[in-house]
Structures are given as structure tokens and as C-alpha cells.
PDB file of N, CA and C in Angstrom:
ATOM      1  N   MET A   1     -56.412 -21.579   1.803  1.00  0.00           N
ATOM      2  CA  MET A   1     -58.006 -21.445   2.029  1.00  0.00           C
ATOM      3  C   MET A   1     -57.923 -21.025   0.517  1.00  0.00           C
ATOM      4  N   ASN A   2     -59.159 -22.234   0.354  1.00  0.00           N
ATOM      5  CA  ASN A   2     -60.354 -21.899  -0.712  1.00  0.00           C
ATOM      6  C   ASN A   2     -61.079 -22.738  -0.921  1.00  0.00           C
ATOM      7  N   PRO A   3     -62.862 -22.164  -0.292  1.00  0.00           N
ATOM      8  CA  PRO A   3     -63.877 -22.877   0.088  1.00  0.00           C
ATOM      9  C   PRO A   3     -64.418 -23.504  -0.766  1.00  0.00           C
ATOM     10  N   SER A   4     -64.935 -24.713  -0.873  1.00  0.00           N
ATOM     11  CA  SER A   4     -65.587 -24.533  -2.454  1.00  0.00           C
ATOM     12  C   SER A   4     -66.401 -24.616  -3.064  1.00  0.00           C
ATOM     13  N   VAL A   5     -66.139 -24.063  -4.297  1.00  0.00           N
ATOM     14  CA  VAL A   5     -67.361 -23.247  -4.650  1.00  0.00           C
ATOM     15  C   VAL A   5     -68.072 -23.952  -5.777  1.00  0.00           C
ATOM     16  N   PRO A   6     -69.735 -23.876  -5.653  1.00  0.00           N
ATOM     17  CA  PRO A   6     -70.350 -25.008  -6.169  1.00  0.00           C
ATOM     18  C   PRO A   6     -70.479 -25.186  -7.709  1.00  0.00           C
ATOM     19  N   ASP A   7     -71.535 -25.724  -8.237  1.00  0.00           N
ATOM     20  CA  ASP A   7     -70.330 -26.771  -9.306  1.00  0.00           C
ATOM     21  C   ASP A   7     -72.034 -26.056 -10.462  1.00  0.00           C
ATOM     22  N   VAL A   8     -72.216 -24.351 -10.886  1.00  0.00           N
ATOM     23  CA  VAL A   8     -73.493 -24.226 -11.742  1.00  0.00           C
ATOM     24  C   VAL A   8     -72.618 -23.149 -12.935  1.00  0.00           C
ATOM     25  N   THR A   9     -73.204 -23.259 -13.363  1.00  0.00           N
ATOM     26  CA  THR A   9     -73.234 -22.184 -14.455  1.00  0.00           C
ATOM     27  C   THR A   9     -72.371 -20.842 -14.079  1.00  0.00           C
ATOM     28  N   PRO A  10     -71.490 -20.402 -14.448  1.00  0.00           N
ATOM     29  CA  PRO A  10     -70.747 -19.431 -13.909  1.00  0.00           C
ATOM     30  C   PRO A  10     -71.477 -17.928 -14.716  1.00  0.00           C
ATOM     31  N   THR A  11     -72.206 -17.087 -13.529  1.00  0.00           N
ATOM     32  CA  THR A  11     -72.332 -15.665 -13.435  1.00  0.00           C
ATOM     33  C   THR A  11     -72.180 -14.502 -13.787  1.00  0.00           C
ATOM     34  N   ASN A  12     -70.362 -14.648 -13.303  1.00  0.00           N
ATOM     35  CA  ASN A  12     -69.425 -13.167 -12.907  1.00  0.00           C
ATOM     36  C   ASN A  12     -68.271 -13.920 -14.136  1.00  0.00           C
ATOM     37  N   PHE A  13     -67.472 -12.479 -14.493  1.00  0.00           N
ATOM     38  CA  PHE A  13     -65.988 -12.788 -14.989  1.00  0.00           C
ATOM     39  C   PHE A  13     -64.860 -11.747 -13.995  1.00  0.00           C
ATOM     40  N   CYS A  14     -64.484 -12.297 -13.002  1.00  0.00           N
ATOM     41  CA  CYS A  14     -63.159 -11.841 -12.523  1.00  0.00           C
ATOM     42  C   CYS A  14     -62.410 -11.097 -12.738  1.00  0.00           C
ATOM     43  N   PRO A  15     -62.579  -9.972 -12.734  1.00  0.00           N
ATOM     44  CA  PRO A  15     -62.320  -8.415 -12.633  1.00  0.00           C
ATOM     45  C   PRO A  15     -60.845  -8.002 -12.821  1.00  0.00           C
ATOM     46  N   ARG A  16     -60.166  -9.554 -11.690  1.00  0.00           N
ATOM     47  CA  ARG A  16     -58.777  -9.248 -11.930  1.00  0.00           C
ATOM     48  C   ARG A  16     -57.427  -9.796 -12.421  1.00  0.00           C
ATOM     49  N   CYS A  17     -58.810 -11.243 -12.694  1.00  0.00           N
ATOM     50  CA  CYS A  17     -57.822 -12.090 -14.118  1.00  0.00           C
ATOM     51  C   CYS A  17     -58.497 -13.065 -15.075  1.00  0.00           C
ATOM     52  N   GLY A  18     -60.235 -12.149 -15.500  1.00  0.00           N
ATOM     53  CA  GLY A  18     -60.896 -12.307 -15.999  1.00  0.00           C
ATOM     54  C   GLY A  18     -61.147 -14.266 -16.263  1.00  0.00           C
ATOM     55  N   VAL A  19     -60.873 -14.908 -15.491  1.00  0.00           N
ATOM     56  CA  VAL A  19     -61.957 -16.424 -15.516  1.00  0.00           C
ATOM     57  C   VAL A  19     -63.380 -15.713 -14.435  1.00  0.00           C
ATOM     58  N   ALA A  20     -64.453 -16.881 -15.157  1.00  0.00           N
ATOM     59  CA  ALA A  20     -65.777 -17.437 -15.164  1.00  0.00           C
ATOM     60  C   ALA A  20     -66.019 -18.067 -13.823  1.00  0.00           C
ATOM     61  N   PHE A  21     -66.972 -17.753 -12.857  1.00  0.00           N
ATOM     62  CA  PHE A  21     -66.787 -18.362 -11.502  1.00  0.00           C
ATOM     63  C   PHE A  21     -68.706 -17.791 -11.657  1.00  0.00           C
ATOM     64  N   THR A  22     -68.821 -18.367 -10.633  1.00  0.00           N
ATOM     65  CA  THR A  22     -70.183 -18.108 -10.357  1.00  0.00           C
ATOM     66  C   THR A  22     -70.596 -17.528  -8.319  1.00  0.00           C
ATOM     67  N   CYS A  23     -70.733 -16.664  -8.456  1.00  0.00           N
ATOM     68  CA  CYS A  23     -71.660 -16.075  -7.303  1.00  0.00           C
ATOM     69  C   CYS A  23     -72.846 -16.695  -6.822  1.00  0.00           C
ATOM     70  N   GLY A  24     -72.613 -16.996  -5.832  1.00  0.00           N
ATOM     71  CA  GLY A  24     -73.792 -17.817  -5.027  1.00  0.00           C
ATOM     72  C   GLY A  24     -74.934 -16.742  -5.142  1.00  0.00           C
ATOM     73  N   MET A  25     -74.328 -15.302  -4.705  1.00  0.00           N
ATOM     74  CA  MET A  25     -76.113 -14.978  -4.988  1.00  0.00           C
ATOM     75  C   MET A  25     -76.135 -14.289  -6.173  1.00  0.00           C
ATOM     76  N   ARG A  26     -75.900 -14.426  -6.846  1.00  0.00           N
ATOM     77  CA  ARG A  26     -76.730 -13.982  -8.176  1.00  0.00           C
ATOM     78  C   ARG A  26     -77.160 -15.837  -8.017  1.00  0.00           C
ATOM     79  N   ALA A  27     -76.636 -16.545  -8.507  1.00  0.00           N
ATOM     80  CA  ALA A  27     -77.508 -17.780  -8.557  1.00  0.00           C
ATOM     81  C   ALA A  27     -78.761 -18.446  -8.397  1.00  0.00           C
ATOM     82  N   GLY A  28     -79.156 -16.824  -7.422  1.00  0.00           N
ATOM     83  CA  GLY A  28     -80.009 -17.563  -6.222  1.00  0.00           C
ATOM     84  C   GLY A  28     -80.125 -18.410  -5.301  1.00  0.00           C
ATOM     85  N   GLU A  29     -78.103 -18.447  -4.648  1.00  0.00           N
ATOM     86  CA  GLU A  29     -78.229 -19.365  -3.229  1.00  0.00           C
ATOM     87  C   GLU A  29     -78.401 -18.320  -2.150  1.00  0.00           C
ATOM     88  N   ALA A  30     -78.716 -19.412  -1.032  1.00  0.00           N
ATOM     89  CA  ALA A  30     -79.175 -18.185   0.286  1.00  0.00           C
ATOM     90  C   ALA A  30     -77.561 -17.922   0.541  1.00  0.00           C
ATOM     91  N   ALA A  31     -76.552 -17.633   0.443  1.00  0.00           N
ATOM     92  CA  ALA A  31     -75.235 -17.141   0.078  1.00  0.00           C
ATOM     93  C   ALA A  31     -74.331 -17.709  -0.513  1.00  0.00           C
ATOM     94  N   CYS A  32     -73.693 -16.855  -0.729  1.00  0.00           N
ATOM     95  CA  CYS A  32     -72.292 -17.246  -1.205  1.00  0.00           C
ATOM     96  C   CYS A  32     -70.845 -17.860  -0.713  1.00  0.00           C
ATOM     97  N   TRP A  33     -69.998 -18.478  -1.770  1.00  0.00           N
ATOM     98  CA  TRP A  33     -69.318 -19.213  -0.793  1.00  0.00           C
ATOM     99  C   TRP A  33     -68.109 -18.164  -0.653  1.00  0.00           C
ATOM    100  N   CYS A  34     -67.845 -16.541  -1.400  1.00  0.00           N
ATOM    101  CA  CYS A  34     -67.178 -15.618  -0.573  1.00  0.00           C
ATOM    102  C   CYS A  34     -67.248 -15.703   1.474  1.00  0.00           C
ATOM    103  N   ALA A  35     -68.501 -16.177   1.386  1.00  0.00           N
ATOM    104  CA  ALA A  35     -69.024 -15.900   2.850  1.00  0.00           C
ATOM    105  C   ALA A  35     -67.950 -16.938   4.020  1.00  0.00           C
ATOM    106  N   ALA A  36     -67.116 -17.200   3.615  1.00  0.00           N
ATOM    107  CA  ALA A  36     -66.029 -18.344   4.231  1.00  0.00           C
ATOM    108  C   ALA A  36     -65.171 -17.941   4.212  1.00  0.00           C
ATOM    109  N   TYR A  37     -64.893 -16.324   3.756  1.00  0.00           N
ATOM    110  CA  TYR A  37     -63.860 -15.493   3.667  1.00  0.00           C
ATOM    111  C   TYR A  37     -63.651 -14.766   4.610  1.00  0.00           C
ATOM    112  N   PRO A  38     -62.865 -13.896   5.472  1.00  0.00           N
ATOM    113  CA  PRO A  38     -62.972 -13.091   6.562  1.00  0.00           C
ATOM    114  C   PRO A  38     -62.896 -11.508   5.416  1.00  0.00           C
ATOM    115  N   ALA A  39     -64.044 -10.800   5.991  1.00  0.00           N
ATOM    116  CA  ALA A  39     -64.603  -9.440   5.477  1.00  0.00           C
ATOM    117  C   ALA A  39     -63.170  -8.889   5.267  1.00  0.00           C
ATOM    118  N   ALA A  40     -62.543  -8.698   4.172  1.00  0.00           N
ATOM    119  CA  ALA A  40     -61.700  -7.544   3.811  1.00  0.00           C
ATOM    120  C   ALA A  40     -62.126  -6.519   2.789  1.00  0.00           C
ATOM    121  N   PHE A  41     -62.925  -6.624   2.032  1.00  0.00           N
ATOM    122  CA  PHE A  41     -64.084  -5.736   0.480  1.00  0.00           C
ATOM    123  C   PHE A  41     -64.933  -4.936   1.068  1.00  0.00           C
ATOM    124  N   ALA A  42     -64.950  -4.318   0.823  1.00  0.00           N
ATOM    125  CA  ALA A  42     -66.739  -4.400   0.993  1.00  0.00           C
ATOM    126  C   ALA A  42     -67.641  -5.142  -0.650  1.00  0.00           C
ATOM    127  N   VAL A  43     -68.865  -5.386   0.114  1.00  0.00           N
ATOM    128  CA  VAL A  43     -69.739  -5.451  -1.565  1.00  0.00           C
ATOM    129  C   VAL A  43     -70.301  -4.805  -2.111  1.00  0.00           C
ATOM    130  N   PRO A  44     -70.024  -4.712  -3.203  1.00  0.00           N
ATOM    131  CA  PRO A  44     -71.354  -3.863  -4.496  1.00  0.00           C
ATOM    132  C   PRO A  44     -72.611  -3.041  -4.876  1.00  0.00           C
ATOM    133  N   ALA A  45     -72.591  -2.610  -4.435  1.00  0.00           N
ATOM    134  CA  ALA A  45     -73.931  -1.904  -4.370  1.00  0.00           C
ATOM    135  C   ALA A  45     -74.667  -3.409  -6.040  1.00  0.00           C
ATOM    136  N   ALA A  46     -75.838  -3.888  -5.384  1.00  0.00           N
ATOM    137  CA  ALA A  46     -75.957  -4.599  -6.879  1.00  0.00           C
ATOM    138  C   ALA A  46     -76.238  -3.880  -7.838  1.00  0.00           C
ATOM    139  N   GLU A  47     -76.651  -2.578  -7.273  1.00  0.00           N
ATOM    140  CA  GLU A  47     -77.058  -1.755  -8.412  1.00  0.00           C
ATOM    141  C   GLU A  47     -76.282  -0.858  -9.085  1.00  0.00           C
ATOM    142  N   SER A  48     -75.083  -1.092  -9.077  1.00  0.00           N
ATOM    143  CA  SER A  48     -73.805  -0.309  -9.221  1.00  0.00           C
ATOM    144  C   SER A  48     -72.956  -1.266 -10.259  1.00  0.00           C
ATOM    145  N   VAL A  49     -73.422  -2.749  -9.829  1.00  0.00           N
ATOM    146  CA  VAL A  49     -72.496  -3.922 -10.915  1.00  0.00           C
ATOM    147  C   VAL A  49     -73.115  -4.384 -11.824  1.00  0.00           C
ATOM    148  N   PRO A  50     -71.829  -4.341 -13.083  1.00  0.00           N
ATOM    149  CA  PRO A  50     -72.319  -4.647 -14.436  1.00  0.00           C
ATOM    150  C   PRO A  50     -72.272  -5.772 -14.492  1.00  0.00           C
ATOM    151  N   ASP A  51     -73.790  -6.372 -15.587  1.00  0.00           N
ATOM    152  CA  ASP A  51     -73.718  -7.514 -15.002  1.00  0.00           C
ATOM    153  C   ASP A  51     -73.148  -8.500 -15.275  1.00  0.00           C
ATOM    154  N   SER A  52     -71.752  -8.543 -16.004  1.00  0.00           N
ATOM    155  CA  SER A  52     -70.155  -9.777 -15.569  1.00  0.00           C
ATOM    156  C   SER A  52     -70.033  -9.644 -14.210  1.00  0.00           C
ATOM    157  N   GLY A  53     -70.313  -8.967 -12.954  1.00  0.00           N
ATOM    158  CA  GLY A  53     -70.354  -9.239 -11.939  1.00  0.00           C
ATOM    159  C   GLY A  53     -68.797  -7.881 -11.536  1.00  0.00           C
ATOM    160  N   ALA A  54     -68.495  -8.108 -10.770  1.00  0.00           N
ATOM    161  CA  ALA A  54     -68.256  -7.023  -9.993  1.00  0.00           C
ATOM    162  C   ALA A  54     -67.376  -7.420  -8.415  1.00  0.00           C
ATOM    163  N   CYS A  55     -67.133  -9.240  -8.854  1.00  0.00           N
ATOM    164  CA  CYS A  55     -66.531  -9.843  -6.859  1.00  0.00           C
ATOM    165  C   CYS A  55     -65.309 -10.334  -8.331  1.00  0.00           C
ATOM    166  N   TYR A  56     -64.524 -10.584  -7.328  1.00  0.00           N
ATOM    167  CA  TYR A  56     -63.276 -11.614  -7.964  1.00  0.00           C
ATOM    168  C   TYR A  56     -63.754 -13.268  -7.435  1.00  0.00           C
ATOM    169  N   CYS A  57     -62.950 -13.627  -8.041  1.00  0.00           N
ATOM    170  CA  CYS A  57     -62.949 -15.380  -7.939  1.00  0.00           C
ATOM    171  C   CYS A  57     -62.170 -16.118  -6.702  1.00  0.00           C
ATOM    172  N   PRO A  58     -62.761 -17.121  -6.683  1.00  0.00           N
ATOM    173  CA  PRO A  58     -62.339 -17.498  -5.069  1.00  0.00           C
ATOM    174  C   PRO A  58     -60.409 -17.632  -5.167  1.00  0.00           C
ATOM    175  N   THR A  59     -59.922 -18.081  -6.413  1.00  0.00           N
ATOM    176  CA  THR A  59     -58.367 -18.070  -5.998  1.00  0.00           C
ATOM    177  C   THR A  59     -57.692 -16.586  -6.166  1.00  0.00           C
ATOM    178  N   CYS A  60     -58.484 -15.230  -7.037  1.00  0.00           N
ATOM    179  CA  CYS A  60     -57.940 -13.972  -6.600  1.00  0.00           C
ATOM    180  C   CYS A  60     -58.596 -13.425  -5.490  1.00  0.00           C
ATOM    181  N   LEU A  61     -59.800 -13.966  -4.570  1.00  0.00           N
ATOM    182  CA  LEU A  61     -59.568 -13.205  -3.506  1.00  0.00           C
ATOM    183  C   LEU A  61     -59.593 -13.583  -2.707  1.00  0.00           C
ATOM    184  N   ALA A  62     -58.597 -14.632  -2.135  1.00  0.00           N
ATOM    185  CA  ALA A  62     -57.694 -15.368  -1.701  1.00  0.00           C
ATOM    186  C   ALA A  62     -56.471 -14.476  -1.276  1.00  0.00           C
ATOM    187  N   GLU A  63     -55.688 -14.157  -2.813  1.00  0.00           N
ATOM    188  CA  GLU A  63     -54.916 -14.395  -2.902  1.00  0.00           C
ATOM    189  C   GLU A  63     -54.858 -12.190  -2.720  1.00  0.00           C
ATOM    190  N   LEU A  64     -55.471 -12.198  -2.211  1.00  0.00           N
ATOM    191  CA  LEU A  64     -56.056 -10.232  -2.308  1.00  0.00           C
ATOM    192  C   LEU A  64     -56.357  -9.686  -1.388  1.00  0.00           C
ATOM    193  N   ILE A  65     -56.870 -11.788  -0.165  1.00  0.00           N
ATOM    194  CA  ILE A  65     -57.116 -10.854   0.698  1.00  0.00           C
ATOM    195  C   ILE A  65     -55.686 -11.321   2.130  1.00  0.00           C
ATOM    196  N   GLU A  66     -54.835 -11.971   1.296  1.00  0.00           N
ATOM    197  CA  GLU A  66     -53.766 -12.238   1.725  1.00  0.00           C
ATOM    198  C   GLU A  66     -52.569 -11.725   1.774  1.00  0.00           C
ATOM    199  N   ALA A  67     -52.624 -10.614   0.482  1.00  0.00           N
ATOM    200  CA  ALA A  67     -51.773  -9.266   0.458  1.00  0.00           C
ATOM    201  C   ALA A  67     -52.214  -8.803   1.580  1.00  0.00           C
ATOM    202  N   ARG A  68     -53.093  -7.878   1.956  1.00  0.00           N
ATOM    203  CA  ARG A  68     -54.021  -6.988   2.767  1.00  0.00           C
ATOM    204  C   ARG A  68     -53.705  -7.710   3.463  1.00  0.00           C
ATOM    205  N   ARG A  69     -53.144  -8.754   4.234  1.00  0.00           N
ATOM    206  CA  ARG A  69     -53.453  -9.578   5.603  1.00  0.00           C
ATOM    207  C   ARG A  69     -51.526  -9.553   5.948  1.00  0.00           C
ATOM    208  N   ALA A  70     -51.144  -9.709   4.798  1.00  0.00           N
ATOM    209  CA  ALA A  70     -49.668  -9.523   5.334  1.00  0.00           C
ATOM    210  C   ALA A  70     -48.763  -7.614   4.896  1.00  0.00           C
ATOM    211  N   ALA A  71     -49.408  -7.381   4.356  1.00  0.00           N
ATOM    212  CA  ALA A  71     -49.944  -6.376   4.106  1.00  0.00           C
ATOM    213  C   ALA A  71     -49.714  -4.908   5.234  1.00  0.00           C
ATOM    214  N   SER A  72     -50.438  -5.388   6.480  1.00  0.00           N
ATOM    215  CA  SER A  72     -51.042  -5.007   7.194  1.00  0.00           C
ATOM    216  C   SER A  72     -50.226  -5.646   8.435  1.00  0.00           C
ATOM    217  N   GLY A  73     -49.248  -6.372   8.424  1.00  0.00           N
ATOM    218  CA  GLY A  73     -48.982  -7.292   9.724  1.00  0.00           C
ATOM    219  C   GLY A  73     -49.231  -8.093  10.289  1.00  0.00           C
ATOM    220  N   ARG A  74     -50.502  -9.117  10.485  1.00  0.00           N
ATOM    221  CA  ARG A  74     -51.438  -9.744  11.266  1.00  0.00           C
ATOM    222  C   ARG A  74     -50.529 -10.861  10.258  1.00  0.00           C
TER     223      ARG A  74
END
């Protein structure tokens, strides 16, 4: 489960692994790549997000969703 991520200038740094990645919403896209994942975490309010972002990169988000899924027995 790893939707394709647009090849644009990084806008965020993953708080889990530190990798630079692009948030579609911060890059001005109509939707972000993360919308292809199942809803698993609340999206932080824009005013509470530091300039580096507070979202996970595609790899970490996929791993965290899978861990949550495994922990819930689904």
C-alpha cells in the first residue's frame, strides 16, 4: 500500500524518520497522496502544524496504519 507520490519539491519532514517528502495540500494540489490511504489518524489543524509539517511520509504512514490494523485484529 504505497500510492504514488508526486515528484515535486519536498514540503515536509516526517516526524518519525526525518525523510523529506511532499504534502499535496501544502504543494497546492487538490488532494494529497495520503487520501488514498484508509483514515487512521486525525489530520492536525493547519494553524497547529509547524512549517516543516506534522504528517508522516508515505512509508511511515503505511507502516503505522498496518501496525494499528494489526493491533486491532483487523
